Amino acid sequence: METPLIENGVLDPRWVEELTPRALQVWIDNRLHGKDIYVPGDPTRGDMPHYVIAAVFPEIEDREVRRDIQRAVRGFLEVMARNTDSSWRGEAADELLRLAQSVGDGDDALARLIANMAQEGKFNSQEKPDLHHRLLQTLVALGWNGHEAFWRKQLSMAPERYAPIVFRGMTLISLECAFALLREMSWTEDTLRDMQISLPGLLRENKPGDLVPLVQEQLPALPAEAQEMFRKVFAKRGINLSPTHGYANLEKMLHRQGAPDLFSNATATKPGLVSQE
């Protein structure tokens, strides 16, 4: 097999189209496991194994070849789902899921397979890479909305790690449900960072008029750091959220006035207040 040409960072799609389905499957397998002898990556540039395939996929004119790639990816995911001892673990599995995000659009069977793996929770662990988080990220990338109970179960598995991606998943079902979830989130530094990364995409996908009322409704119940994060993200889009003291700032105000007991009464009547401890 000849070494393929790469122009402007994209593999020559004709080389891919000439591969038989079996040869294509073997190449993708080797590629994602870091064993590709035809298109070696350059670790000094941070090349990710899946990227070459993801980049060439839309350039392939032969629809059957594109379907062969989708079938190969789905087949690897099936092995990953049913065999905990397979080679599809760690970095290779992470690369496989990243590739699925790029080639799985419109493949309902692939999305259901990934959703089932997430539902089972067998990849929910503290190990790196976090494959369970990657499963959820892949579902969001594929536009799989599922149902509210599914996403709430994901949140219950690890609220500190999965809250931002669950929020994005729930926006695919209902913006109202997603923003109501803000009161239940644990606002750690990681949560704030991930939400700050995620929100600009949400602003691009939706009309500001649909988002602003929902944010304004939830802001008073959020910690001061979360309120500030929302204000900064929306301000970058030229949207100034209305000022509000909010429950997160109420404690300081009342203590300055010498009325800590009054604050206790106020918070006791506010359901769903997120603890700042």
Protein backbone atom coordinates (compact mmCIF):
# COMPACT_ATOMS: atom_id res chain seq x y z
CA MET A 1 0.00 0.00 0.00
CA GLU A 2 1.44 3.37 -1.03
CA THR A 3 1.95 6.14 1.47
CA PRO A 4 -0.96 8.59 1.09
CA LEU A 5 -0.50 12.24 0.28
CA ILE A 6 -1.46 14.92 2.75
CA GLU A 7 -2.20 18.41 1.44
CA ASN A 8 -3.02 21.35 3.71
CA GLY A 9 -3.18 18.96 6.62
CA VAL A 10 -5.89 16.78 5.02
CA LEU A 11 -5.34 13.22 3.86
CA ASP A 12 -5.97 12.58 0.15
CA PRO A 13 -9.54 11.20 0.15
CA ARG A 14 -8.80 9.13 -2.98
CA TRP A 15 -6.40 7.01 -0.93
CA VAL A 16 -9.17 6.25 1.56
CA GLU A 17 -11.68 5.50 -1.20
CA GLU A 18 -9.34 2.88 -2.70
CA LEU A 19 -9.27 0.84 0.52
CA THR A 20 -11.48 -2.24 0.77
CA PRO A 21 -13.96 -2.22 3.69
CA ARG A 22 -11.74 -4.65 5.60
CA ALA A 23 -8.56 -2.67 4.92
CA LEU A 24 -10.38 0.50 5.97
CA GLN A 25 -11.46 -1.14 9.22
CA VAL A 26 -7.92 -2.31 9.98
CA TRP A 27 -6.46 1.11 9.19
CA ILE A 28 -8.94 2.91 11.49
CA ASP A 29 -8.26 0.38 14.27
CA ASN A 30 -4.51 0.84 13.97
CA ARG A 31 -4.87 4.58 13.66
CA LEU A 32 -6.88 4.97 16.86
CA HIS A 33 -4.52 2.67 18.75
CA GLY A 34 -1.49 4.72 17.70
CA LYS A 35 -0.12 2.04 15.36
CA ASP A 36 -0.69 3.70 11.98
CA ILE A 37 2.34 3.10 9.73
CA TYR A 38 0.85 4.94 6.74
CA VAL A 39 -0.07 8.27 8.31
CA PRO A 40 2.11 8.66 11.41
CA GLY A 41 1.14 11.47 13.73
CA ASP A 42 3.46 14.15 15.00
CA PRO A 43 3.28 14.21 18.81
CA THR A 44 5.27 17.47 18.90
CA ARG A 45 2.27 19.17 17.25
CA GLY A 46 -0.23 17.50 19.52
CA ASP A 47 -1.69 15.42 16.68
CA MET A 48 -4.63 13.33 17.84
CA PRO A 49 -5.07 9.97 16.05
CA HIS A 50 -8.75 10.50 15.22
CA TYR A 51 -8.21 13.90 13.62
CA VAL A 52 -6.86 12.69 10.26
CA ILE A 53 -9.95 10.51 9.75
CA ALA A 54 -12.34 13.19 10.98
CA ALA A 55 -10.75 15.76 8.65
CA VAL A 56 -10.90 13.60 5.51
CA PHE A 57 -14.41 12.21 6.17
CA PRO A 58 -16.37 15.15 4.66
CA GLU A 59 -14.00 15.19 1.67
CA ILE A 60 -14.84 11.62 0.68
CA GLU A 61 -17.21 11.70 -2.28
CA ASP A 62 -18.08 8.01 -2.28
CA ARG A 63 -21.07 7.67 0.06
CA GLU A 64 -20.50 3.95 0.47
CA VAL A 65 -16.99 4.58 1.78
CA ARG A 66 -18.38 7.06 4.29
CA ARG A 67 -20.89 4.42 5.38
CA ASP A 68 -18.04 1.90 5.67
CA ILE A 69 -16.29 4.29 8.07
CA GLN A 70 -19.47 4.69 10.11
CA ARG A 71 -19.96 0.93 10.21
CA ALA A 72 -16.38 0.40 11.35
CA VAL A 73 -16.77 2.95 14.15
CA ARG A 74 -20.09 1.46 15.22
CA GLY A 75 -18.55 -2.01 15.22
CA PHE A 76 -15.69 -0.89 17.45
CA LEU A 77 -18.17 0.73 19.83
CA GLU A 78 -20.15 -2.51 20.00
CA VAL A 79 -17.00 -4.34 21.07
CA MET A 80 -16.29 -1.61 23.62
CA ALA A 81 -19.82 -1.91 25.01
CA ARG A 82 -19.97 -5.67 25.46
CA ASN A 83 -16.37 -6.56 26.33
CA THR A 84 -14.76 -4.85 29.28
CA ASP A 85 -11.48 -6.58 28.46
CA SER A 86 -11.28 -5.33 24.87
CA SER A 87 -8.55 -3.05 23.59
CA TRP A 88 -11.07 -0.22 23.42
CA ARG A 89 -10.17 1.33 26.74
CA GLY A 90 -8.17 4.35 27.82
CA GLU A 91 -6.80 6.60 25.09
CA ALA A 92 -7.93 4.35 22.24
CA ALA A 93 -11.54 4.43 23.44
CA ASP A 94 -11.33 8.19 23.93
CA GLU A 95 -10.10 8.61 20.36
CA LEU A 96 -12.88 6.32 19.11
CA LEU A 97 -15.55 8.44 20.79
CA ARG A 98 -13.98 11.64 19.45
CA LEU A 99 -14.13 10.14 15.97
CA ALA A 100 -17.76 9.12 16.48
CA GLN A 101 -18.57 12.79 17.11
CA SER A 102 -17.28 13.64 13.63
CA VAL A 103 -18.64 10.74 11.58
CA GLY A 104 -21.75 9.65 13.50
CA ASP A 105 -24.13 12.44 12.50
CA GLY A 106 -27.42 10.89 11.41
CA ASP A 107 -26.47 7.41 12.64
CA ASP A 108 -29.28 6.71 15.11
CA ALA A 109 -28.01 3.21 15.90
CA LEU A 110 -24.62 4.60 16.88
CA ALA A 111 -26.20 7.23 19.14
CA ARG A 112 -28.41 4.64 20.86
CA LEU A 113 -25.39 2.42 21.44
CA ILE A 114 -23.50 5.25 23.12
CA ALA A 115 -26.57 6.20 25.17
CA ASN A 116 -26.90 2.61 26.40
CA MET A 117 -23.25 2.59 27.50
CA ALA A 118 -23.81 5.82 29.42
CA GLN A 119 -27.00 4.45 30.96
CA GLU A 120 -25.16 1.38 32.24
CA GLY A 121 -22.51 3.58 33.83
CA LYS A 122 -19.72 1.00 33.48
CA PHE A 123 -17.23 3.70 32.42
CA ASN A 124 -18.04 6.04 35.30
CA SER A 125 -14.78 6.18 37.24
CA GLN A 126 -12.06 8.54 38.39
CA GLU A 127 -9.66 7.18 35.77
CA LYS A 128 -8.26 9.35 33.01
CA PRO A 129 -9.39 9.83 30.37
CA ASP A 130 -12.94 10.12 31.70
CA LEU A 131 -14.71 7.88 29.19
CA HIS A 132 -18.13 8.38 30.74
CA HIS A 133 -17.84 12.13 30.26
CA ARG A 134 -16.72 11.51 26.68
CA LEU A 135 -19.81 9.35 26.11
CA LEU A 136 -22.05 12.19 27.25
CA GLN A 137 -20.10 14.74 25.22
CA THR A 138 -20.50 12.54 22.15
CA LEU A 139 -24.27 12.35 22.64
CA VAL A 140 -24.45 16.14 22.81
CA ALA A 141 -22.25 16.48 19.71
CA LEU A 142 -24.56 14.10 17.84
CA GLY A 143 -27.63 16.06 18.93
CA TRP A 144 -29.11 13.10 20.83
CA ASN A 145 -31.61 14.53 23.27
CA GLY A 146 -33.02 11.42 24.94
CA HIS A 147 -35.20 12.29 27.90
CA GLU A 148 -34.90 14.25 31.14
CA ALA A 149 -34.71 11.15 33.35
CA PHE A 150 -31.65 9.94 31.42
CA TRP A 151 -29.74 13.19 31.95
CA ARG A 152 -30.74 13.44 35.60
CA LYS A 153 -29.38 9.94 36.19
CA GLN A 154 -26.07 11.06 34.65
CA LEU A 155 -25.97 14.02 37.01
CA SER A 156 -26.55 11.76 40.02
CA MET A 157 -23.52 9.62 39.10
CA ALA A 158 -21.03 12.45 39.71
CA PRO A 159 -22.57 15.93 40.14
CA GLU A 160 -19.19 17.65 40.40
CA ARG A 161 -17.88 16.17 37.14
CA TYR A 162 -20.94 15.88 34.93
CA ALA A 163 -23.14 18.88 35.73
CA PRO A 164 -22.01 21.10 32.79
CA ILE A 165 -22.34 18.39 30.14
CA VAL A 166 -25.71 17.31 31.60
CA PHE A 167 -26.83 20.94 31.38
CA ARG A 168 -25.90 21.00 27.68
CA GLY A 169 -27.63 17.69 27.11
CA MET A 170 -30.82 18.96 28.69
CA THR A 171 -30.80 22.06 26.49
CA LEU A 172 -31.45 19.66 23.60
CA ILE A 173 -34.71 18.68 25.31
CA SER A 174 -35.85 21.95 26.84
CA LEU A 175 -34.12 25.22 27.70
CA GLU A 176 -36.48 25.61 30.66
CA CYS A 177 -35.50 22.22 32.12
CA ALA A 178 -31.83 22.92 31.58
CA PHE A 179 -31.82 26.31 33.31
CA ALA A 180 -33.91 24.98 36.20
CA LEU A 181 -31.03 22.54 36.76
CA LEU A 182 -28.68 25.42 37.61
CA ARG A 183 -30.08 25.56 41.14
CA GLU A 184 -29.13 21.92 41.72
CA MET A 185 -25.56 22.13 40.46
CA SER A 186 -22.47 22.07 42.67
CA TRP A 187 -20.63 25.23 41.65
CA THR A 188 -17.03 24.11 41.99
CA GLU A 189 -14.14 25.75 40.15
CA ASP A 190 -14.29 23.00 37.53
CA THR A 191 -18.03 23.54 37.07
CA LEU A 192 -17.55 27.27 36.61
CA ARG A 193 -14.75 26.69 34.08
CA ASP A 194 -16.68 24.12 32.06
CA MET A 195 -19.85 26.20 32.02
CA GLN A 196 -17.87 29.23 30.86
CA ILE A 197 -16.56 27.14 27.97
CA SER A 198 -20.00 25.71 27.14
CA LEU A 199 -22.20 28.82 27.28
CA PRO A 200 -20.85 30.64 24.18
CA GLY A 201 -21.98 27.70 22.04
CA LEU A 202 -25.43 27.88 23.58
CA LEU A 203 -25.57 31.60 22.80
CA ARG A 204 -24.67 30.92 19.17
CA GLU A 205 -27.36 28.25 18.84
CA ASN A 206 -30.23 30.19 20.40
CA LYS A 207 -31.78 33.62 20.26
CA PRO A 208 -30.73 35.85 23.18
CA GLY A 209 -34.38 36.64 23.78
CA ASP A 210 -34.99 32.96 24.56
CA LEU A 211 -32.08 32.71 26.99
CA VAL A 212 -32.03 35.99 28.92
CA PRO A 213 -35.36 35.54 30.77
CA LEU A 214 -34.33 32.04 31.83
CA VAL A 215 -30.96 33.23 33.12
CA GLN A 216 -32.48 36.19 34.94
CA GLU A 217 -34.94 33.88 36.68
CA GLN A 218 -32.18 31.63 38.03
CA LEU A 219 -29.44 34.16 38.84
CA PRO A 220 -30.68 35.17 42.30
CA ALA A 221 -30.38 31.57 43.55
CA LEU A 222 -26.82 31.07 42.28
CA PRO A 223 -23.53 31.69 44.10
CA ALA A 224 -21.88 35.04 43.46
CA GLU A 225 -19.13 33.38 41.40
CA ALA A 226 -21.68 31.75 39.11
CA GLN A 227 -23.59 35.01 38.71
CA GLU A 228 -20.40 36.80 37.73
CA MET A 229 -19.50 34.07 35.24
CA PHE A 230 -22.89 34.37 33.51
CA ARG A 231 -22.60 38.16 33.37
CA LYS A 232 -19.15 38.02 31.77
CA VAL A 233 -20.13 35.42 29.17
CA PHE A 234 -23.28 37.29 28.16
CA ALA A 235 -21.49 40.67 28.21
CA LYS A 236 -19.04 39.39 25.59
CA ARG A 237 -22.06 38.99 23.31
CA GLY A 238 -23.19 42.52 24.10
CA ILE A 239 -25.91 41.35 26.50
CA ASN A 240 -26.01 43.00 29.92
CA LEU A 241 -27.93 40.95 32.44
CA SER A 242 -29.99 42.98 34.91
CA PRO A 243 -28.31 43.50 38.28
CA THR A 244 -29.65 41.52 41.20
CA HIS A 245 -28.50 41.13 44.78
CA GLY A 246 -29.56 37.50 44.68
CA TYR A 247 -29.67 34.97 47.51
CA ALA A 248 -25.97 34.26 47.08
CA ASN A 249 -25.14 37.86 48.09
CA LEU A 250 -27.93 38.28 50.63
CA GLU A 251 -25.98 36.74 53.52
CA LYS A 252 -23.22 39.34 53.39
CA MET A 253 -25.73 42.18 53.17
CA LEU A 254 -27.75 40.99 56.16
CA HIS A 255 -24.69 40.26 58.30
CA ARG A 256 -23.44 43.79 57.64
CA GLN A 257 -26.79 44.97 58.98
CA GLY A 258 -26.38 42.78 62.06
CA ALA A 259 -29.21 40.38 61.20
CA PRO A 260 -27.77 36.90 60.63
CA ASP A 261 -30.95 35.24 61.94
CA LEU A 262 -32.95 37.03 59.26
CA PHE A 263 -30.76 35.44 56.61
CA SER A 264 -31.40 31.99 58.06
CA ASN A 265 -35.12 32.58 57.75
CA ALA A 266 -34.73 33.83 54.20
CA THR A 267 -32.78 30.84 52.99
CA ALA A 268 -35.06 28.40 54.76
CA THR A 269 -37.95 29.53 52.57
CA LYS A 270 -35.99 29.34 49.32
CA PRO A 271 -36.29 25.83 47.85
CA GLY A 272 -33.46 24.45 45.80
CA LEU A 273 -30.81 26.90 47.00
CA VAL A 274 -27.36 25.63 46.04
CA SER A 275 -25.02 25.32 48.99
CA GLN A 276 -21.83 27.37 48.65
CA GLU A 277 -19.85 25.22 51.06
